[in-house]
N, C-alpha and C. Protein backbone atom coordinates (compact mmCIF):
# COMPACT_ATOMS: atom_id res chain seq x y z
N UNK A 1 0.81 -1.20 0.00
CA UNK A 1 0.00 0.00 0.00
C UNK A 1 0.86 1.26 0.00
N UNK A 2 1.90 1.23 0.78
CA UNK A 2 2.73 2.42 0.92
C UNK A 2 3.43 2.74 -0.40
N UNK A 3 3.72 1.71 -1.19
CA UNK A 3 4.39 1.95 -2.47
C UNK A 3 3.52 2.76 -3.42
N UNK A 4 2.20 2.61 -3.32
CA UNK A 4 1.29 3.40 -4.16
C UNK A 4 1.50 4.90 -3.92
N UNK A 5 1.64 5.29 -2.66
CA UNK A 5 1.84 6.71 -2.34
C UNK A 5 3.20 7.19 -2.77
N UNK A 6 4.21 6.35 -2.58
CA UNK A 6 5.57 6.75 -2.93
C UNK A 6 5.68 6.99 -4.43
N UNK A 7 5.09 6.10 -5.21
CA UNK A 7 5.12 6.25 -6.66
C UNK A 7 4.32 7.47 -7.10
N UNK A 8 3.16 7.70 -6.46
CA UNK A 8 2.32 8.85 -6.82
C UNK A 8 3.02 10.17 -6.50
N UNK A 9 3.81 10.20 -5.42
CA UNK A 9 4.52 11.42 -5.03
C UNK A 9 5.85 11.57 -5.77
N UNK A 10 6.21 10.56 -6.57
CA UNK A 10 7.45 10.56 -7.34
C UNK A 10 8.68 10.68 -6.43
N UNK A 11 8.67 9.90 -5.35
CA UNK A 11 9.80 9.86 -4.44
C UNK A 11 10.64 8.63 -4.74
N UNK A 12 11.93 8.73 -4.49
CA UNK A 12 12.82 7.58 -4.67
C UNK A 12 12.72 6.71 -3.43
N UNK A 13 12.81 5.38 -3.65
CA UNK A 13 12.70 4.47 -2.51
C UNK A 13 13.54 3.23 -2.75
N UNK A 14 13.80 2.51 -1.66
CA UNK A 14 14.52 1.24 -1.71
C UNK A 14 13.71 0.25 -0.90
N UNK A 15 13.47 -0.92 -1.47
CA UNK A 15 12.75 -1.98 -0.77
C UNK A 15 13.77 -2.97 -0.21
N UNK A 16 13.82 -3.08 1.12
CA UNK A 16 14.75 -3.98 1.80
C UNK A 16 13.97 -5.23 2.21
N UNK A 17 14.04 -6.27 1.41
CA UNK A 17 13.26 -7.48 1.66
C UNK A 17 13.77 -8.29 2.86
N UNK A 18 15.02 -8.12 3.23
CA UNK A 18 15.59 -8.89 4.35
C UNK A 18 15.13 -8.35 5.70
N UNK A 19 14.63 -7.14 5.74
CA UNK A 19 14.21 -6.53 7.00
C UNK A 19 12.72 -6.80 7.23
N UNK A 20 12.37 -7.15 8.47
CA UNK A 20 10.98 -7.40 8.81
C UNK A 20 10.66 -6.78 10.16
N UNK A 21 9.43 -6.39 10.34
CA UNK A 21 8.95 -5.94 11.64
C UNK A 21 8.81 -7.18 12.52
N UNK A 22 9.11 -7.10 13.82
CA UNK A 22 9.03 -8.29 14.68
C UNK A 22 7.67 -8.98 14.65
N UNK A 23 6.58 -8.25 14.53
CA UNK A 23 5.26 -8.86 14.52
C UNK A 23 4.96 -9.56 13.19
N UNK A 24 5.72 -9.28 12.17
CA UNK A 24 5.51 -9.92 10.88
C UNK A 24 5.82 -11.41 10.96
N UNK A 25 6.71 -11.81 11.86
CA UNK A 25 7.05 -13.21 12.00
C UNK A 25 5.86 -14.04 12.50
N UNK A 26 4.93 -13.40 13.20
CA UNK A 26 3.78 -14.11 13.74
C UNK A 26 2.69 -14.32 12.69
N UNK A 27 2.75 -13.62 11.57
CA UNK A 27 1.73 -13.75 10.55
C UNK A 27 1.94 -15.01 9.73
N UNK A 28 0.85 -15.50 9.17
CA UNK A 28 0.94 -16.65 8.26
C UNK A 28 1.50 -16.16 6.94
N UNK A 29 2.14 -17.02 6.16
CA UNK A 29 2.74 -16.58 4.89
C UNK A 29 1.75 -15.95 3.92
N UNK A 30 0.49 -16.41 3.92
CA UNK A 30 -0.48 -15.83 3.00
C UNK A 30 -0.99 -14.47 3.45
N UNK A 31 -0.70 -14.07 4.68
CA UNK A 31 -1.12 -12.76 5.18
C UNK A 31 -0.10 -11.67 4.86
N UNK A 32 1.14 -12.05 4.63
CA UNK A 32 2.19 -11.08 4.31
C UNK A 32 2.14 -10.82 2.81
N UNK A 33 1.77 -9.59 2.45
CA UNK A 33 1.62 -9.25 1.04
C UNK A 33 2.98 -8.98 0.41
N UNK A 34 3.74 -8.11 1.01
CA UNK A 34 5.04 -7.75 0.48
C UNK A 34 6.00 -7.62 1.65
N UNK A 35 6.77 -8.67 1.95
CA UNK A 35 7.65 -8.60 3.12
C UNK A 35 8.79 -7.62 2.90
N UNK A 36 9.20 -7.00 3.98
CA UNK A 36 10.35 -6.11 3.93
C UNK A 36 10.06 -4.72 4.45
N UNK A 37 11.06 -3.89 4.35
CA UNK A 37 10.97 -2.50 4.80
C UNK A 37 11.19 -1.60 3.60
N UNK A 38 10.53 -0.46 3.62
CA UNK A 38 10.66 0.51 2.53
C UNK A 38 11.36 1.75 3.08
N UNK A 39 12.45 2.13 2.44
CA UNK A 39 13.15 3.38 2.78
C UNK A 39 12.83 4.40 1.71
N UNK A 40 12.40 5.57 2.16
CA UNK A 40 11.97 6.62 1.23
C UNK A 40 12.90 7.81 1.37
N UNK A 41 13.29 8.39 0.24
CA UNK A 41 14.13 9.58 0.25
C UNK A 41 13.21 10.81 0.30
N UNK A 42 13.12 11.42 1.48
CA UNK A 42 12.29 12.62 1.64
C UNK A 42 13.10 13.90 1.45
N UNK A 43 14.43 13.83 1.65
CA UNK A 43 15.29 15.00 1.53
C UNK A 43 16.43 14.70 0.57
N UNK A 44 16.90 15.72 -0.11
CA UNK A 44 18.06 15.55 -1.00
C UNK A 44 19.34 15.80 -0.21
N UNK A 45 20.48 15.85 -0.89
CA UNK A 45 21.77 16.02 -0.23
C UNK A 45 21.88 17.38 0.47
N UNK A 46 21.15 18.37 0.00
CA UNK A 46 21.18 19.71 0.60
C UNK A 46 20.21 19.85 1.76
N UNK A 47 19.62 18.73 2.20
CA UNK A 47 18.66 18.70 3.30
C UNK A 47 17.38 19.48 2.98
N UNK A 48 17.05 19.54 1.70
CA UNK A 48 15.81 20.18 1.27
C UNK A 48 14.81 19.08 0.93
N UNK A 49 13.51 19.29 1.20
CA UNK A 49 12.52 18.26 0.87
C UNK A 49 12.46 18.02 -0.64
N UNK A 50 12.40 16.75 -1.02
CA UNK A 50 12.29 16.39 -2.43
C UNK A 50 10.92 16.81 -2.97
N UNK A 51 9.89 16.59 -2.17
CA UNK A 51 8.53 16.99 -2.52
C UNK A 51 8.09 18.07 -1.53
N UNK A 52 7.73 19.23 -2.03
CA UNK A 52 7.41 20.37 -1.14
C UNK A 52 6.18 20.12 -0.28
N UNK A 53 5.27 19.24 -0.72
CA UNK A 53 4.06 18.97 0.08
C UNK A 53 4.34 18.01 1.23
N UNK A 54 5.48 17.30 1.17
CA UNK A 54 5.85 16.33 2.20
C UNK A 54 7.21 16.72 2.78
N UNK A 55 7.27 17.68 3.70
CA UNK A 55 8.56 18.11 4.22
C UNK A 55 9.14 17.23 5.32
N UNK A 56 8.27 16.45 6.03
CA UNK A 56 8.75 15.65 7.16
C UNK A 56 8.19 14.23 7.07
N UNK A 57 8.73 13.34 7.92
CA UNK A 57 8.21 11.98 8.00
C UNK A 57 6.77 11.98 8.50
N UNK A 58 6.51 12.82 9.48
CA UNK A 58 5.16 12.90 10.03
C UNK A 58 4.17 13.33 8.95
N UNK A 59 4.54 14.30 8.14
CA UNK A 59 3.66 14.74 7.05
C UNK A 59 3.42 13.61 6.06
N UNK A 60 4.46 12.80 5.79
CA UNK A 60 4.30 11.66 4.88
C UNK A 60 3.32 10.64 5.46
N UNK A 61 3.46 10.33 6.74
CA UNK A 61 2.57 9.36 7.37
C UNK A 61 1.14 9.88 7.43
N UNK A 62 0.95 11.17 7.69
CA UNK A 62 -0.40 11.75 7.70
C UNK A 62 -1.01 11.68 6.31
N UNK A 63 -0.20 11.97 5.29
CA UNK A 63 -0.68 11.89 3.91
C UNK A 63 -1.11 10.46 3.59
N UNK A 64 -0.29 9.49 3.98
CA UNK A 64 -0.61 8.08 3.75
C UNK A 64 -1.88 7.69 4.50
N UNK A 65 -2.02 8.15 5.73
CA UNK A 65 -3.21 7.85 6.52
C UNK A 65 -4.49 8.39 5.90
N UNK A 66 -4.40 9.53 5.25
CA UNK A 66 -5.57 10.11 4.59
C UNK A 66 -5.91 9.37 3.31
N UNK A 67 -4.89 8.87 2.61
CA UNK A 67 -5.10 8.26 1.30
C UNK A 67 -5.41 6.77 1.34
N UNK A 68 -5.07 6.07 2.41
CA UNK A 68 -5.30 4.62 2.47
C UNK A 68 -6.78 4.26 2.27
N UNK A 69 -7.72 4.94 2.90
CA UNK A 69 -9.13 4.55 2.69
C UNK A 69 -9.62 4.75 1.26
N UNK A 70 -8.94 5.52 0.46
CA UNK A 70 -9.41 5.79 -0.90
C UNK A 70 -8.84 4.84 -1.95
N UNK A 71 -7.96 3.92 -1.56
CA UNK A 71 -7.33 3.03 -2.51
C UNK A 71 -8.30 1.96 -3.02
N UNK A 72 -8.24 1.66 -4.31
CA UNK A 72 -9.07 0.60 -4.89
C UNK A 72 -8.67 -0.76 -4.33
N UNK A 73 -7.38 -0.95 -4.12
CA UNK A 73 -6.88 -2.23 -3.60
C UNK A 73 -7.53 -2.52 -2.25
N UNK A 74 -7.62 -1.51 -1.42
CA UNK A 74 -8.20 -1.68 -0.08
C UNK A 74 -9.67 -2.04 -0.17
N UNK A 75 -10.42 -1.37 -1.05
CA UNK A 75 -11.85 -1.65 -1.19
C UNK A 75 -12.07 -3.07 -1.69
N UNK A 76 -11.26 -3.52 -2.64
CA UNK A 76 -11.39 -4.89 -3.15
C UNK A 76 -11.09 -5.90 -2.06
N UNK A 77 -10.07 -5.65 -1.26
CA UNK A 77 -9.71 -6.57 -0.18
C UNK A 77 -10.81 -6.63 0.87
N UNK A 78 -11.41 -5.50 1.19
CA UNK A 78 -12.50 -5.47 2.17
C UNK A 78 -13.69 -6.28 1.66
N UNK A 79 -14.00 -6.15 0.37
CA UNK A 79 -15.11 -6.92 -0.20
C UNK A 79 -14.82 -8.42 -0.13
N UNK A 80 -13.58 -8.82 -0.40
CA UNK A 80 -13.21 -10.23 -0.33
C UNK A 80 -13.37 -10.77 1.09
N UNK A 81 -12.92 -9.99 2.07
CA UNK A 81 -13.01 -10.43 3.46
C UNK A 81 -14.47 -10.54 3.89
N UNK A 82 -15.30 -9.57 3.50
CA UNK A 82 -16.71 -9.62 3.85
C UNK A 82 -17.39 -10.83 3.22
N UNK A 83 -17.08 -11.13 1.96
CA UNK A 83 -17.67 -12.29 1.30
C UNK A 83 -17.26 -13.58 2.01
N UNK A 84 -15.99 -13.66 2.40
CA UNK A 84 -15.51 -14.84 3.12
C UNK A 84 -16.22 -15.00 4.46
N UNK A 85 -16.41 -13.89 5.20
CA UNK A 85 -17.10 -13.95 6.48
C UNK A 85 -18.55 -14.38 6.31
N UNK A 86 -19.22 -13.87 5.29
CA UNK A 86 -20.60 -14.26 5.05
C UNK A 86 -20.71 -15.75 4.72
N UNK A 87 -19.77 -16.26 3.95
CA UNK A 87 -19.76 -17.67 3.62
C UNK A 87 -19.54 -18.52 4.87
N UNK A 88 -18.66 -18.08 5.75
CA UNK A 88 -18.40 -18.81 6.99
C UNK A 88 -19.62 -18.79 7.89
N UNK A 89 -20.30 -17.64 7.97
CA UNK A 89 -21.50 -17.54 8.80
C UNK A 89 -22.60 -18.42 8.25
N UNK A 90 -22.76 -18.46 6.93
CA UNK A 90 -23.78 -19.30 6.32
C UNK A 90 -23.50 -20.77 6.60
N UNK A 91 -22.24 -21.17 6.52
CA UNK A 91 -21.86 -22.55 6.80
C UNK A 91 -22.11 -22.89 8.27
N UNK A 92 -21.81 -21.96 9.16
CA UNK A 92 -22.03 -22.19 10.59
C UNK A 92 -23.53 -22.30 10.90
N UNK A 93 -24.34 -21.48 10.27
CA UNK A 93 -25.79 -21.55 10.48
C UNK A 93 -26.34 -22.87 9.96
N UNK A 94 -25.81 -23.35 8.86
CA UNK A 94 -26.25 -24.61 8.28
C UNK A 94 -25.93 -25.76 9.23
N UNK A 95 -24.73 -25.75 9.82
CA UNK A 95 -24.34 -26.79 10.76
C UNK A 95 -25.21 -26.71 12.01
N UNK A 96 -25.46 -25.50 12.50
CA UNK A 96 -26.27 -25.33 13.71
C UNK A 96 -27.70 -25.79 13.48
N UNK A 97 -28.24 -25.55 12.31
CA UNK A 97 -29.61 -25.97 12.03
C UNK A 97 -29.70 -27.49 11.98
N UNK A 98 -28.67 -28.17 11.52
CA UNK A 98 -28.66 -29.63 11.50
C UNK A 98 -28.56 -30.18 12.91
N UNK A 99 -27.82 -29.54 13.78
CA UNK A 99 -27.67 -30.00 15.15
C UNK A 99 -28.99 -29.93 15.90
N UNK A 100 -29.80 -28.94 15.64
CA UNK A 100 -31.07 -28.75 16.34
C UNK A 100 -32.07 -29.83 16.02
N UNK A 101 -31.98 -30.50 14.90
CA UNK A 101 -32.93 -31.53 14.50
C UNK A 101 -32.76 -32.82 15.30
N UNK A 102 -31.60 -33.07 15.80
CA UNK A 102 -31.32 -34.34 16.48
C UNK A 102 -31.68 -34.32 17.96
N UNK A 103 -32.20 -33.26 18.47
CA UNK A 103 -32.51 -33.17 19.89
C UNK A 103 -33.73 -34.04 20.22
N UNK A 104 -33.71 -34.61 21.41
CA UNK A 104 -34.84 -35.41 21.86
C UNK A 104 -35.94 -34.48 22.35
N UNK A 105 -37.16 -34.92 22.13
CA UNK A 105 -38.30 -34.12 22.59
C UNK A 105 -38.82 -34.75 23.87
N UNK A 106 -39.49 -33.96 24.64
CA UNK A 106 -40.08 -34.47 25.87
C UNK A 106 -39.40 -33.90 27.09
N UNK A 107 -39.70 -34.52 28.24
CA UNK A 107 -39.17 -34.02 29.50
C UNK A 107 -37.70 -34.39 29.61
N UNK A 108 -36.97 -33.53 30.29
CA UNK A 108 -35.55 -33.76 30.46
C UNK A 108 -35.28 -34.16 31.90
N UNK A 109 -34.27 -34.94 32.09
CA UNK A 109 -33.87 -35.33 33.44
C UNK A 109 -34.61 -36.57 33.93
N UNK A 110 -34.24 -37.01 35.11
CA UNK A 110 -34.86 -38.20 35.68
C UNK A 110 -36.14 -37.83 36.41
N UNK A 111 -37.08 -38.76 36.39
CA UNK A 111 -38.34 -38.56 37.12
C UNK A 111 -38.21 -39.27 38.45
N UNK A 112 -38.78 -38.74 39.49
CA UNK A 112 -38.75 -39.38 40.80
C UNK A 112 -40.09 -39.85 41.18
């Protein structure tokens, strides 16, 4: 996701695939979309911002935070997750409805 913003802002970047966040190790392999760390060049050699609208790291992160909800990739992924959840709920309801049919009718417990 972050690469979309970097490319749109025309910033230079380096993708370090050997570097991982510690919590990334706990994820399953299919959950990790693009492993690694991204280094972005926000300033040139003269310590001037490369992009005038993004002068600091904080400004870059705020920009990314505003733009993430508008990405098509994100909307497609949300739709996929919702469809998967609905399928799981439907399967669970189907199993639960089958379980209810096998119950015994009548009084429960021992009679004295």
